[in-house]
PDB file of N, CA and C in Angstrom:
ATOM      1  N   MET A   1     -56.140  50.990  -4.167  1.00  0.00           N
ATOM      2  CA  MET A   1     -56.648  50.809  -2.825  1.00  0.00           C
ATOM      3  C   MET A   1     -58.123  51.195  -2.752  1.00  0.00           C
ATOM      4  N   ILE A   2     -58.494  52.307  -3.397  1.00  0.00           N
ATOM      5  CA  ILE A   2     -59.888  52.768  -3.314  1.00  0.00           C
ATOM      6  C   ILE A   2     -60.829  51.787  -3.997  1.00  0.00           C
ATOM      7  N   PHE A   3     -60.376  51.133  -5.081  1.00  0.00           N
ATOM      8  CA  PHE A   3     -61.245  50.201  -5.795  1.00  0.00           C
ATOM      9  C   PHE A   3     -61.497  48.935  -4.987  1.00  0.00           C
ATOM     10  N   ASN A   4     -60.553  48.556  -4.137  1.00  0.00           N
ATOM     11  CA  ASN A   4     -60.758  47.404  -3.263  1.00  0.00           C
ATOM     12  C   ASN A   4     -61.714  47.761  -2.129  1.00  0.00           C
ATOM     13  N   ALA A   5     -61.526  48.901  -1.509  1.00  0.00           N
ATOM     14  CA  ALA A   5     -62.348  49.299  -0.365  1.00  0.00           C
ATOM     15  C   ALA A   5     -63.769  49.677  -0.781  1.00  0.00           C
ATOM     16  N   PHE A   6     -63.895  50.256  -1.968  1.00  0.00           N
ATOM     17  CA  PHE A   6     -65.190  50.722  -2.473  1.00  0.00           C
ATOM     18  C   PHE A   6     -65.404  50.124  -3.866  1.00  0.00           C
ATOM     19  N   PRO A   7     -65.752  48.844  -3.961  1.00  0.00           N
ATOM     20  CA  PRO A   7     -65.846  48.190  -5.273  1.00  0.00           C
ATOM     21  C   PRO A   7     -66.841  48.853  -6.225  1.00  0.00           C
ATOM     22  N   ASP A   8     -67.828  49.562  -5.673  1.00  0.00           N
ATOM     23  CA  ASP A   8     -68.818  50.234  -6.513  1.00  0.00           C
ATOM     24  C   ASP A   8     -68.486  51.714  -6.737  1.00  0.00           C
ATOM     25  N   VAL A   9     -67.231  52.098  -6.499  1.00  0.00           N
ATOM     26  CA  VAL A   9     -66.845  53.508  -6.610  1.00  0.00           C
ATOM     27  C   VAL A   9     -67.195  54.064  -7.985  1.00  0.00           C
ATOM     28  N   ASN A  10     -67.681  55.290  -7.983  1.00  0.00           N
ATOM     29  CA  ASN A  10     -68.022  55.987  -9.216  1.00  0.00           C
ATOM     30  C   ASN A  10     -67.446  57.394  -9.140  1.00  0.00           C
ATOM     31  N   ARG A  11     -66.743  57.791 -10.189  1.00  0.00           N
ATOM     32  CA  ARG A  11     -66.187  59.141 -10.262  1.00  0.00           C
ATOM     33  C   ARG A  11     -66.881  59.857 -11.410  1.00  0.00           C
ATOM     34  N   GLU A  12     -67.782  60.764 -11.064  1.00  0.00           N
ATOM     35  CA  GLU A  12     -68.506  61.518 -12.079  1.00  0.00           C
ATOM     36  C   GLU A  12     -67.776  62.837 -12.325  1.00  0.00           C
ATOM     37  N   VAL A  13     -67.387  63.067 -13.562  1.00  0.00           N
ATOM     38  CA  VAL A  13     -66.672  64.292 -13.918  1.00  0.00           C
ATOM     39  C   VAL A  13     -67.658  65.458 -13.914  1.00  0.00           C
ATOM     40  N   ALA A  14     -67.354  66.471 -13.113  1.00  0.00           N
ATOM     41  CA  ALA A  14     -68.195  67.656 -13.016  1.00  0.00           C
ATOM     42  C   ALA A  14     -67.664  68.802 -13.866  1.00  0.00           C
ATOM     43  N   LEU A  15     -66.335  68.832 -14.066  1.00  0.00           N
ATOM     44  CA  LEU A  15     -65.721  69.942 -14.791  1.00  0.00           C
ATOM     45  C   LEU A  15     -64.354  69.517 -15.296  1.00  0.00           C
ATOM     46  N   THR A  16     -64.041  69.917 -16.508  1.00  0.00           N
ATOM     47  CA  THR A  16     -62.703  69.697 -17.065  1.00  0.00           C
ATOM     48  C   THR A  16     -62.226  71.011 -17.668  1.00  0.00           C
ATOM     49  N   VAL A  17     -61.002  71.418 -17.307  1.00  0.00           N
ATOM     50  CA  VAL A  17     -60.421  72.660 -17.815  1.00  0.00           C
ATOM     51  C   VAL A  17     -58.996  72.364 -18.260  1.00  0.00           C
ATOM     52  N   ALA A  18     -58.653  72.814 -19.457  1.00  0.00           N
ATOM     53  CA  ALA A  18     -57.290  72.649 -19.959  1.00  0.00           C
ATOM     54  C   ALA A  18     -56.654  74.016 -20.124  1.00  0.00           C
ATOM     55  N   ASP A  19     -55.392  74.111 -19.761  1.00  0.00           N
ATOM     56  CA  ASP A  19     -54.622  75.351 -19.904  1.00  0.00           C
ATOM     57  C   ASP A  19     -53.186  74.962 -20.226  1.00  0.00           C
ATOM     58  N   GLY A  20     -52.793  75.138 -21.467  1.00  0.00           N
ATOM     59  CA  GLY A  20     -51.444  74.754 -21.862  1.00  0.00           C
ATOM     60  C   GLY A  20     -51.270  73.264 -21.723  1.00  0.00           C
ATOM     61  N   ASP A  21     -50.257  72.851 -20.962  1.00  0.00           N
ATOM     62  CA  ASP A  21     -50.001  71.418 -20.794  1.00  0.00           C
ATOM     63  C   ASP A  21     -50.653  70.846 -19.532  1.00  0.00           C
ATOM     64  N   LEU A  22     -51.531  71.620 -18.894  1.00  0.00           N
ATOM     65  CA  LEU A  22     -52.221  71.153 -17.687  1.00  0.00           C
ATOM     66  C   LEU A  22     -53.702  70.917 -17.959  1.00  0.00           C
ATOM     67  N   VAL A  23     -54.226  69.837 -17.404  1.00  0.00           N
ATOM     68  CA  VAL A  23     -55.650  69.525 -17.491  1.00  0.00           C
ATOM     69  C   VAL A  23     -56.154  69.311 -16.066  1.00  0.00           C
ATOM     70  N   PHE A  24     -57.195  70.052 -15.692  1.00  0.00           N
ATOM     71  CA  PHE A  24     -57.800  69.981 -14.365  1.00  0.00           C
ATOM     72  C   PHE A  24     -59.142  69.267 -14.495  1.00  0.00           C
ATOM     73  N   VAL A  25     -59.372  68.241 -13.671  1.00  0.00           N
ATOM     74  CA  VAL A  25     -60.627  67.490 -13.708  1.00  0.00           C
ATOM     75  C   VAL A  25     -61.215  67.472 -12.295  1.00  0.00           C
ATOM     76  N   LEU A  26     -62.423  68.008 -12.159  1.00  0.00           N
ATOM     77  CA  LEU A  26     -63.139  67.994 -10.885  1.00  0.00           C
ATOM     78  C   LEU A  26     -64.131  66.841 -10.919  1.00  0.00           C
ATOM     79  N   ASN A  27     -64.076  65.976  -9.893  1.00  0.00           N
ATOM     80  CA  ASN A  27     -64.922  64.790  -9.828  1.00  0.00           C
ATOM     81  C   ASN A  27     -65.779  64.794  -8.577  1.00  0.00           C
ATOM     82  N   GLN A  28     -66.914  64.114  -8.655  1.00  0.00           N
ATOM     83  CA  GLN A  28     -67.696  63.793  -7.473  1.00  0.00           C
ATOM     84  C   GLN A  28     -67.593  62.288  -7.323  1.00  0.00           C
ATOM     85  N   VAL A  29     -67.099  61.838  -6.172  1.00  0.00           N
ATOM     86  CA  VAL A  29     -66.828  60.422  -5.941  1.00  0.00           C
ATOM     87  C   VAL A  29     -67.901  59.857  -5.012  1.00  0.00           C
ATOM     88  N   THR A  30     -68.507  58.743  -5.421  1.00  0.00           N
ATOM     89  CA  THR A  30     -69.508  58.074  -4.594  1.00  0.00           C
ATOM     90  C   THR A  30     -69.200  56.577  -4.537  1.00  0.00           C
ATOM     91  N   GLY A  31     -69.735  55.929  -3.530  1.00  0.00           N
ATOM     92  CA  GLY A  31     -69.558  54.484  -3.395  1.00  0.00           C
ATOM     93  C   GLY A  31     -69.967  54.038  -2.003  1.00  0.00           C
ATOM     94  N   THR A  32     -69.648  52.788  -1.700  1.00  0.00           N
ATOM     95  CA  THR A  32     -69.982  52.190  -0.410  1.00  0.00           C
ATOM     96  C   THR A  32     -68.765  51.427   0.093  1.00  0.00           C
ATOM     97  N   GLN A  33     -68.357  51.690   1.329  1.00  0.00           N
ATOM     98  CA  GLN A  33     -67.179  51.000   1.864  1.00  0.00           C
ATOM     99  C   GLN A  33     -67.516  49.549   2.170  1.00  0.00           C
ATOM    100  N   GLN A  34     -66.863  48.641   1.432  1.00  0.00           N
ATOM    101  CA  GLN A  34     -67.128  47.218   1.618  1.00  0.00           C
ATOM    102  C   GLN A  34     -65.906  46.455   2.116  1.00  0.00           C
ATOM    103  N   ASN A  35     -64.741  47.097   2.119  1.00  0.00           N
ATOM    104  CA  ASN A  35     -63.507  46.481   2.619  1.00  0.00           C
ATOM    105  C   ASN A  35     -62.695  47.535   3.360  1.00  0.00           C
ATOM    106  N   GLU A  36     -61.635  47.098   4.028  1.00  0.00           N
ATOM    107  CA  GLU A  36     -60.770  47.998   4.799  1.00  0.00           C
ATOM    108  C   GLU A  36     -60.180  49.085   3.909  1.00  0.00           C
ATOM    109  N   TYR A  37     -60.053  50.299   4.482  1.00  0.00           N
ATOM    110  CA  TYR A  37     -59.472  51.441   3.776  1.00  0.00           C
ATOM    111  C   TYR A  37     -58.579  52.198   4.748  1.00  0.00           C
ATOM    112  N   PHE A  38     -57.279  52.241   4.487  1.00  0.00           N
ATOM    113  CA  PHE A  38     -56.310  52.894   5.376  1.00  0.00           C
ATOM    114  C   PHE A  38     -56.489  52.444   6.822  1.00  0.00           C
ATOM    115  N   GLY A  39     -56.707  51.149   7.024  1.00  0.00           N
ATOM    116  CA  GLY A  39     -56.875  50.601   8.364  1.00  0.00           C
ATOM    117  C   GLY A  39     -58.260  50.768   8.948  1.00  0.00           C
ATOM    118  N   ILE A  40     -59.159  51.411   8.227  1.00  0.00           N
ATOM    119  CA  ILE A  40     -60.538  51.605   8.700  1.00  0.00           C
ATOM    120  C   ILE A  40     -61.344  50.383   8.279  1.00  0.00           C
ATOM    121  N   PRO A  41     -61.895  49.641   9.247  1.00  0.00           N
ATOM    122  CA  PRO A  41     -62.649  48.431   8.905  1.00  0.00           C
ATOM    123  C   PRO A  41     -63.852  48.748   8.018  1.00  0.00           C
ATOM    124  N   ALA A  42     -64.249  47.771   7.219  1.00  0.00           N
ATOM    125  CA  ALA A  42     -65.428  47.929   6.359  1.00  0.00           C
ATOM    126  C   ALA A  42     -66.630  48.310   7.215  1.00  0.00           C
ATOM    127  N   SER A  43     -67.339  49.353   6.787  1.00  0.00           N
ATOM    128  CA  SER A  43     -68.461  49.854   7.574  1.00  0.00           C
ATOM    129  C   SER A  43     -69.789  49.763   6.835  1.00  0.00           C
ATOM    130  N   GLY A  44     -69.749  49.583   5.531  1.00  0.00           N
ATOM    131  CA  GLY A  44     -70.976  49.628   4.742  1.00  0.00           C
ATOM    132  C   GLY A  44     -71.469  51.046   4.526  1.00  0.00           C
ATOM    133  N   ALA A  45     -70.656  52.028   4.959  1.00  0.00           N
ATOM    134  CA  ALA A  45     -71.053  53.431   4.866  1.00  0.00           C
ATOM    135  C   ALA A  45     -70.975  53.937   3.429  1.00  0.00           C
ATOM    136  N   PRO A  46     -71.986  54.721   3.020  1.00  0.00           N
ATOM    137  CA  PRO A  46     -71.905  55.368   1.717  1.00  0.00           C
ATOM    138  C   PRO A  46     -70.952  56.560   1.789  1.00  0.00           C
ATOM    139  N   ILE A  47     -70.289  56.848   0.684  1.00  0.00           N
ATOM    140  CA  ILE A  47     -69.407  58.014   0.608  1.00  0.00           C
ATOM    141  C   ILE A  47     -69.843  58.903  -0.546  1.00  0.00           C
ATOM    142  N   ASP A  48     -69.575  60.190  -0.413  1.00  0.00           N
ATOM    143  CA  ASP A  48     -69.898  61.170  -1.445  1.00  0.00           C
ATOM    144  C   ASP A  48     -69.032  62.392  -1.157  1.00  0.00           C
ATOM    145  N   TYR A  49     -67.945  62.547  -1.931  1.00  0.00           N
ATOM    146  CA  TYR A  49     -67.014  63.646  -1.689  1.00  0.00           C
ATOM    147  C   TYR A  49     -66.415  64.135  -3.002  1.00  0.00           C
ATOM    148  N   ALA A  50     -65.815  65.315  -2.968  1.00  0.00           N
ATOM    149  CA  ALA A  50     -65.201  65.908  -4.152  1.00  0.00           C
ATOM    150  C   ALA A  50     -63.724  65.542  -4.240  1.00  0.00           C
ATOM    151  N   SER A  51     -63.261  65.418  -5.470  1.00  0.00           N
ATOM    152  CA  SER A  51     -61.859  65.118  -5.739  1.00  0.00           C
ATOM    153  C   SER A  51     -61.455  65.869  -6.998  1.00  0.00           C
ATOM    154  N   ALA A  52     -60.204  66.302  -7.052  1.00  0.00           N
ATOM    155  CA  ALA A  52     -59.702  66.980  -8.244  1.00  0.00           C
ATOM    156  C   ALA A  52     -58.395  66.338  -8.676  1.00  0.00           C
ATOM    157  N   ASP A  53     -58.238  66.185  -9.964  1.00  0.00           N
ATOM    158  CA  ASP A  53     -56.997  65.668 -10.534  1.00  0.00           C
ATOM    159  C   ASP A  53     -56.419  66.721 -11.468  1.00  0.00           C
ATOM    160  N   ILE A  54     -55.117  66.903 -11.381  1.00  0.00           N
ATOM    161  CA  ILE A  54     -54.421  67.795 -12.298  1.00  0.00           C
ATOM    162  C   ILE A  54     -53.389  66.960 -13.038  1.00  0.00           C
ATOM    163  N   PHE A  55     -53.500  66.944 -14.345  1.00  0.00           N
ATOM    164  CA  PHE A  55     -52.598  66.173 -15.191  1.00  0.00           C
ATOM    165  C   PHE A  55     -51.694  67.122 -15.960  1.00  0.00           C
ATOM    166  N   GLN A  56     -50.423  66.800 -16.034  1.00  0.00           N
ATOM    167  CA  GLN A  56     -49.516  67.513 -16.931  1.00  0.00           C
ATOM    168  C   GLN A  56     -49.300  66.590 -18.128  1.00  0.00           C
ATOM    169  N   VAL A  57     -49.560  67.120 -19.323  1.00  0.00           N
ATOM    170  CA  VAL A  57     -49.494  66.321 -20.537  1.00  0.00           C
ATOM    171  C   VAL A  57     -48.459  66.922 -21.480  1.00  0.00           C
ATOM    172  N   GLN A  58     -47.526  66.094 -21.929  1.00  0.00           N
ATOM    173  CA  GLN A  58     -46.510  66.527 -22.894  1.00  0.00           C
ATOM    174  C   GLN A  58     -46.468  65.523 -24.031  1.00  0.00           C
ATOM    175  N   ASP A  59     -46.668  66.012 -25.241  1.00  0.00           N
ATOM    176  CA  ASP A  59     -46.674  65.163 -26.433  1.00  0.00           C
ATOM    177  C   ASP A  59     -47.665  64.014 -26.310  1.00  0.00           C
ATOM    178  N   GLY A  60     -48.834  64.302 -25.748  1.00  0.00           N
ATOM    179  CA  GLY A  60     -49.881  63.295 -25.626  1.00  0.00           C
ATOM    180  C   GLY A  60     -49.682  62.286 -24.519  1.00  0.00           C
ATOM    181  N   VAL A  61     -48.674  62.492 -23.675  1.00  0.00           N
ATOM    182  CA  VAL A  61     -48.369  61.556 -22.585  1.00  0.00           C
ATOM    183  C   VAL A  61     -48.516  62.282 -21.246  1.00  0.00           C
ATOM    184  N   ILE A  62     -49.188  61.642 -20.288  1.00  0.00           N
ATOM    185  CA  ILE A  62     -49.291  62.209 -18.938  1.00  0.00           C
ATOM    186  C   ILE A  62     -47.944  62.041 -18.254  1.00  0.00           C
ATOM    187  N   THR A  63     -47.325  63.168 -17.906  1.00  0.00           N
ATOM    188  CA  THR A  63     -45.998  63.124 -17.286  1.00  0.00           C
ATOM    189  C   THR A  63     -46.043  63.335 -15.781  1.00  0.00           C
ATOM    190  N   ASP A  64     -47.097  63.975 -15.287  1.00  0.00           N
ATOM    191  CA  ASP A  64     -47.279  64.191 -13.850  1.00  0.00           C
ATOM    192  C   ASP A  64     -48.755  64.164 -13.526  1.00  0.00           C
ATOM    193  N   LEU A  65     -49.066  63.798 -12.300  1.00  0.00           N
ATOM    194  CA  LEU A  65     -50.447  63.755 -11.834  1.00  0.00           C
ATOM    195  C   LEU A  65     -50.486  64.182 -10.384  1.00  0.00           C
ATOM    196  N   TRP A  66     -51.409  65.073 -10.078  1.00  0.00           N
ATOM    197  CA  TRP A  66     -51.658  65.489  -8.703  1.00  0.00           C
ATOM    198  C   TRP A  66     -53.113  65.178  -8.398  1.00  0.00           C
ATOM    199  N   ASP A  67     -53.380  64.569  -7.239  1.00  0.00           N
ATOM    200  CA  ASP A  67     -54.736  64.234  -6.823  1.00  0.00           C
ATOM    201  C   ASP A  67     -55.021  64.955  -5.525  1.00  0.00           C
ATOM    202  N   ILE A  68     -56.117  65.685  -5.498  1.00  0.00           N
ATOM    203  CA  ILE A  68     -56.520  66.440  -4.317  1.00  0.00           C
ATOM    204  C   ILE A  68     -57.929  65.984  -3.965  1.00  0.00           C
ATOM    205  N   ALA A  69     -58.120  65.520  -2.738  1.00  0.00           N
ATOM    206  CA  ALA A  69     -59.429  65.004  -2.348  1.00  0.00           C
ATOM    207  C   ALA A  69     -59.886  65.627  -1.039  1.00  0.00           C
ATOM    208  N   ASP A  70     -61.183  65.692  -0.862  1.00  0.00           N
ATOM    209  CA  ASP A  70     -61.781  66.202   0.370  1.00  0.00           C
ATOM    210  C   ASP A  70     -61.827  65.072   1.399  1.00  0.00           C
ATOM    211  N   TYR A  71     -60.659  64.772   1.976  1.00  0.00           N
ATOM    212  CA  TYR A  71     -60.556  63.658   2.921  1.00  0.00           C
ATOM    213  C   TYR A  71     -61.283  63.938   4.230  1.00  0.00           C
ATOM    214  N   VAL A  72     -61.482  65.193   4.594  1.00  0.00           N
ATOM    215  CA  VAL A  72     -62.236  65.493   5.821  1.00  0.00           C
ATOM    216  C   VAL A  72     -63.661  64.960   5.669  1.00  0.00           C
ATOM    217  N   THR A  73     -64.282  65.241   4.526  1.00  0.00           N
ATOM    218  CA  THR A  73     -65.636  64.740   4.285  1.00  0.00           C
ATOM    219  C   THR A  73     -65.643  63.220   4.221  1.00  0.00           C
ATOM    220  N   LEU A  74     -64.690  62.634   3.484  1.00  0.00           N
ATOM    221  CA  LEU A  74     -64.632  61.178   3.355  1.00  0.00           C
ATOM    222  C   LEU A  74     -64.489  60.504   4.719  1.00  0.00           C
ATOM    223  N   PHE A  75     -63.522  60.941   5.528  1.00  0.00           N
ATOM    224  CA  PHE A  75     -63.288  60.289   6.814  1.00  0.00           C
ATOM    225  C   PHE A  75     -64.413  60.565   7.816  1.00  0.00           C
ATOM    226  N   THR A  76     -65.089  61.701   7.688  1.00  0.00           N
ATOM    227  CA  THR A  76     -66.277  61.965   8.516  1.00  0.00           C
ATOM    228  C   THR A  76     -67.377  60.971   8.153  1.00  0.00           C
ATOM    229  N   GLN A  77     -67.562  60.730   6.856  1.00  0.00           N
ATOM    230  CA  GLN A  77     -68.602  59.796   6.419  1.00  0.00           C
ATOM    231  C   GLN A  77     -68.274  58.366   6.855  1.00  0.00           C
ATOM    232  N   LEU A  78     -66.991  58.051   6.993  1.00  0.00           N
ATOM    233  CA  LEU A  78     -66.598  56.715   7.452  1.00  0.00           C
ATOM    234  C   LEU A  78     -66.594  56.602   8.971  1.00  0.00           C
ATOM    235  N   GLY A  79     -66.900  57.718   9.652  1.00  0.00           N
ATOM    236  CA  GLY A  79     -67.048  57.687  11.105  1.00  0.00           C
ATOM    237  C   GLY A  79     -65.767  57.792  11.899  1.00  0.00           C
ATOM    238  N   VAL A  80     -64.664  58.206  11.275  1.00  0.00           N
ATOM    239  CA  VAL A  80     -63.397  58.296  12.000  1.00  0.00           C
ATOM    240  C   VAL A  80     -62.999  59.737  12.315  1.00  0.00           C
ATOM    241  N   MET A  81     -63.820  60.701  11.904  1.00  0.00           N
ATOM    242  CA  MET A  81     -63.589  62.114  12.243  1.00  0.00           C
ATOM    243  C   MET A  81     -64.913  62.700  12.709  1.00  0.00           C
ATOM    244  N   GLY A  82     -64.812  63.782  13.499  1.00  0.00           N
ATOM    245  CA  GLY A  82     -66.015  64.467  13.953  1.00  0.00           C
ATOM    246  C   GLY A  82     -66.705  65.172  12.804  1.00  0.00           C
ATOM    247  N   GLY A  83     -67.908  65.629  13.027  1.00  0.00           N
ATOM    248  CA  GLY A  83     -68.691  66.346  12.005  1.00  0.00           C
ATOM    249  C   GLY A  83     -68.012  67.621  11.570  1.00  0.00           C
ATOM    250  N   GLN A  84     -68.449  68.101  10.428  1.00  0.00           N
ATOM    251  CA  GLN A  84     -67.847  69.317   9.842  1.00  0.00           C
ATOM    252  C   GLN A  84     -68.441  70.558  10.425  1.00  0.00           C
TER     253      GLN A  84
END
């Protein structure tokens, strides 16, 4: 869904930490809204927010994934939430 709404999306890895079978990746996500996203019409608005992914890896295979994103910042930048 994010790749359709933000075709120029870029996820720059800021930090990667591994502990046992867990890998934590902190990203900075940027792009421009060019299509609808969760019912929000295309606005042409630039986005810049933090996102974190936690992967559980067993025998070289990702078995679980958790994604945590700063949606307050994202939705504020898209104009659907008040300022922070």
